[in-house]
Amino acid sequence: MVTRKRRSLVRGGFTLMELLVVVAILVVLAGAGGVIYMRFQEDEDKKTALAQTKLIADAVKMYQAANGEYPASLQALAEGTKPYLEASALRDPWGNEYVYQNPGQAHQTGAPDIYSLGPNASDPNGKIGDWMTKPP
């Protein structure tokens, strides 16, 4: 009995198994946190793209009101002495240029369509356009 008590008093520190369990728990938590962060970042990028398409659509409407016609391309909005937008505003959060279709097909009014191809440009359902109320 005395030796068992003495052995438990002398022991100071953690066993290898205890350390491995703690490390494994930390790895699982970090992995789950990383996945949640990446999903959150993707959702925020989609919301940003939707807001930017609406901003570009407003600039197109201002151009049309001032010039009597829609611009030939989005680059026309960033040109001139008083540009409607900065050239950097014509790229989506994934680094691709926004798509400009005139005449548009999504609007009932005949206004041009402005959209991003989204994070996966090959996915036809991933478009994020100014006619949407929320991103896909």
Protein backbone atom coordinates (compact mmCIF):
# COMPACT_ATOMS: atom_id res chain seq x y z
CA MET A 1 0.00 0.00 0.00
CA VAL A 2 2.73 2.42 0.88
CA THR A 3 4.56 1.92 -2.40
CA ARG A 4 1.42 2.60 -4.43
CA LYS A 5 0.82 5.86 -2.57
CA ARG A 6 4.42 6.86 -2.98
CA ARG A 7 4.36 6.05 -6.71
CA SER A 8 1.30 8.27 -7.25
CA LEU A 9 2.97 11.13 -5.40
CA VAL A 10 6.19 10.85 -7.39
CA ARG A 11 4.46 10.81 -10.76
CA GLY A 12 4.48 14.31 -12.25
CA GLY A 13 3.54 14.95 -15.87
CA PHE A 14 1.44 13.35 -18.53
CA THR A 15 1.76 10.01 -20.22
CA LEU A 16 2.34 9.79 -23.95
CA MET A 17 -1.20 8.50 -24.42
CA GLU A 18 -2.72 11.51 -22.63
CA LEU A 19 -0.71 13.90 -24.77
CA LEU A 20 -1.75 12.11 -27.96
CA VAL A 21 -5.42 12.33 -26.99
CA VAL A 22 -5.14 16.07 -26.34
CA VAL A 23 -3.30 16.63 -29.64
CA ALA A 24 -5.91 14.58 -31.52
CA ILE A 25 -8.74 16.65 -30.01
CA LEU A 26 -6.97 19.89 -30.98
CA VAL A 27 -6.45 18.67 -34.56
CA VAL A 28 -10.14 17.76 -34.90
CA LEU A 29 -11.23 21.14 -33.53
CA ALA A 30 -8.84 23.02 -35.84
CA GLY A 31 -10.03 21.04 -38.85
CA ALA A 32 -13.68 21.73 -38.08
CA GLY A 33 -12.93 25.41 -37.52
CA GLY A 34 -11.12 25.65 -40.85
CA VAL A 35 -14.05 24.12 -42.73
CA ILE A 36 -16.52 26.48 -41.06
CA TYR A 37 -14.30 29.48 -41.84
CA MET A 38 -13.94 28.52 -45.51
CA ARG A 39 -17.71 28.10 -45.88
CA PHE A 40 -18.26 31.48 -44.21
CA GLN A 41 -15.70 33.11 -46.53
CA GLU A 42 -17.38 31.65 -49.62
CA ASP A 43 -20.79 32.94 -48.50
CA GLU A 44 -19.35 36.41 -47.89
CA ASP A 45 -17.70 36.44 -51.33
CA LYS A 46 -21.06 35.60 -52.93
CA LYS A 47 -22.78 38.40 -51.00
CA THR A 48 -20.03 40.80 -52.07
CA ALA A 49 -20.44 39.79 -55.72
CA LEU A 50 -24.21 40.36 -55.52
CA ALA A 51 -23.73 43.81 -53.97
CA GLN A 52 -21.15 44.73 -56.60
CA THR A 53 -23.42 43.66 -59.48
CA LYS A 54 -26.12 45.94 -58.11
CA LEU A 55 -23.59 48.79 -57.81
CA ILE A 56 -22.48 48.27 -61.42
CA ALA A 57 -26.13 48.13 -62.55
CA ASP A 58 -26.72 51.51 -60.89
CA ALA A 59 -23.67 52.93 -62.69
CA VAL A 60 -25.02 51.56 -65.99
CA LYS A 61 -28.35 53.30 -65.35
CA MET A 62 -26.57 56.58 -64.60
CA TYR A 63 -24.55 56.22 -67.81
CA GLN A 64 -27.73 55.56 -69.77
CA ALA A 65 -29.45 58.58 -68.24
CA ALA A 66 -26.51 60.84 -69.13
CA ASN A 67 -25.82 59.48 -72.62
CA GLY A 68 -29.19 58.22 -73.83
CA GLU A 69 -27.95 54.66 -74.37
CA TYR A 70 -26.40 51.83 -72.43
CA PRO A 71 -22.61 51.52 -72.51
CA ALA A 72 -21.07 49.20 -75.09
CA SER A 73 -19.08 47.46 -72.34
CA LEU A 74 -18.39 47.76 -68.63
CA GLN A 75 -14.98 49.27 -69.39
CA ALA A 76 -16.77 52.38 -70.67
CA LEU A 77 -17.88 53.00 -67.07
CA ALA A 78 -14.27 53.25 -65.92
CA GLU A 79 -13.10 55.58 -68.71
CA GLY A 80 -13.25 59.33 -69.16
CA THR A 81 -12.45 62.31 -66.95
CA LYS A 82 -15.26 61.45 -64.52
CA PRO A 83 -15.59 57.66 -64.54
CA TYR A 84 -18.70 56.07 -63.06
CA LEU A 85 -16.64 53.31 -61.46
CA GLU A 86 -13.02 52.46 -60.81
CA ALA A 87 -11.55 49.74 -63.01
CA SER A 88 -10.98 47.55 -59.94
CA ALA A 89 -14.76 47.48 -59.33
CA LEU A 90 -15.22 45.53 -62.56
CA ARG A 91 -13.70 42.34 -61.10
CA ASP A 92 -15.57 39.91 -58.87
CA PRO A 93 -14.18 38.55 -55.56
CA TRP A 94 -12.62 35.62 -57.46
CA GLY A 95 -10.65 37.91 -59.78
CA ASN A 96 -12.80 37.45 -62.89
CA GLU A 97 -14.40 40.26 -64.85
CA TYR A 98 -18.13 40.74 -64.45
CA VAL A 99 -20.17 39.68 -67.48
CA TYR A 100 -22.19 42.37 -69.27
CA GLN A 101 -25.00 41.32 -71.59
CA ASN A 102 -26.85 43.96 -73.54
CA PRO A 103 -29.68 43.38 -74.25
CA GLY A 104 -30.31 41.48 -71.05
CA GLN A 105 -32.49 38.43 -70.68
CA ALA A 106 -33.17 38.39 -66.93
CA HIS A 107 -34.76 41.84 -66.64
CA GLN A 108 -38.33 42.58 -67.69
CA THR A 109 -37.37 46.17 -68.54
CA GLY A 110 -34.76 45.29 -71.15
CA ALA A 111 -31.90 46.54 -68.99
CA PRO A 112 -28.54 44.83 -69.48
CA ASP A 113 -27.65 41.83 -67.35
CA ILE A 114 -24.60 42.14 -65.12
CA TYR A 115 -23.40 39.00 -63.40
CA SER A 116 -20.47 37.07 -62.02
CA LEU A 117 -19.83 33.47 -62.98
CA GLY A 118 -19.29 32.73 -59.29
CA PRO A 119 -16.58 30.72 -57.58
CA ASN A 120 -16.82 27.91 -60.15
CA ALA A 121 -16.99 29.50 -63.60
CA SER A 122 -17.87 26.19 -65.26
CA ASP A 123 -21.09 25.83 -63.23
CA PRO A 124 -23.97 27.43 -65.19
CA ASN A 125 -26.12 27.54 -62.04
CA GLY A 126 -23.48 29.48 -60.11
CA LYS A 127 -24.21 32.86 -61.71
CA ILE A 128 -24.64 35.80 -59.35
CA GLY A 129 -26.55 38.57 -61.07
CA ASP A 130 -27.95 42.00 -60.33
CA TRP A 131 -31.50 40.68 -60.80
CA MET A 132 -31.18 38.31 -57.81
CA THR A 133 -32.35 39.11 -54.30
CA LYS A 134 -29.84 36.75 -52.67
CA PRO A 135 -26.82 34.79 -53.92
CA PRO A 136 -27.21 31.07 -54.76
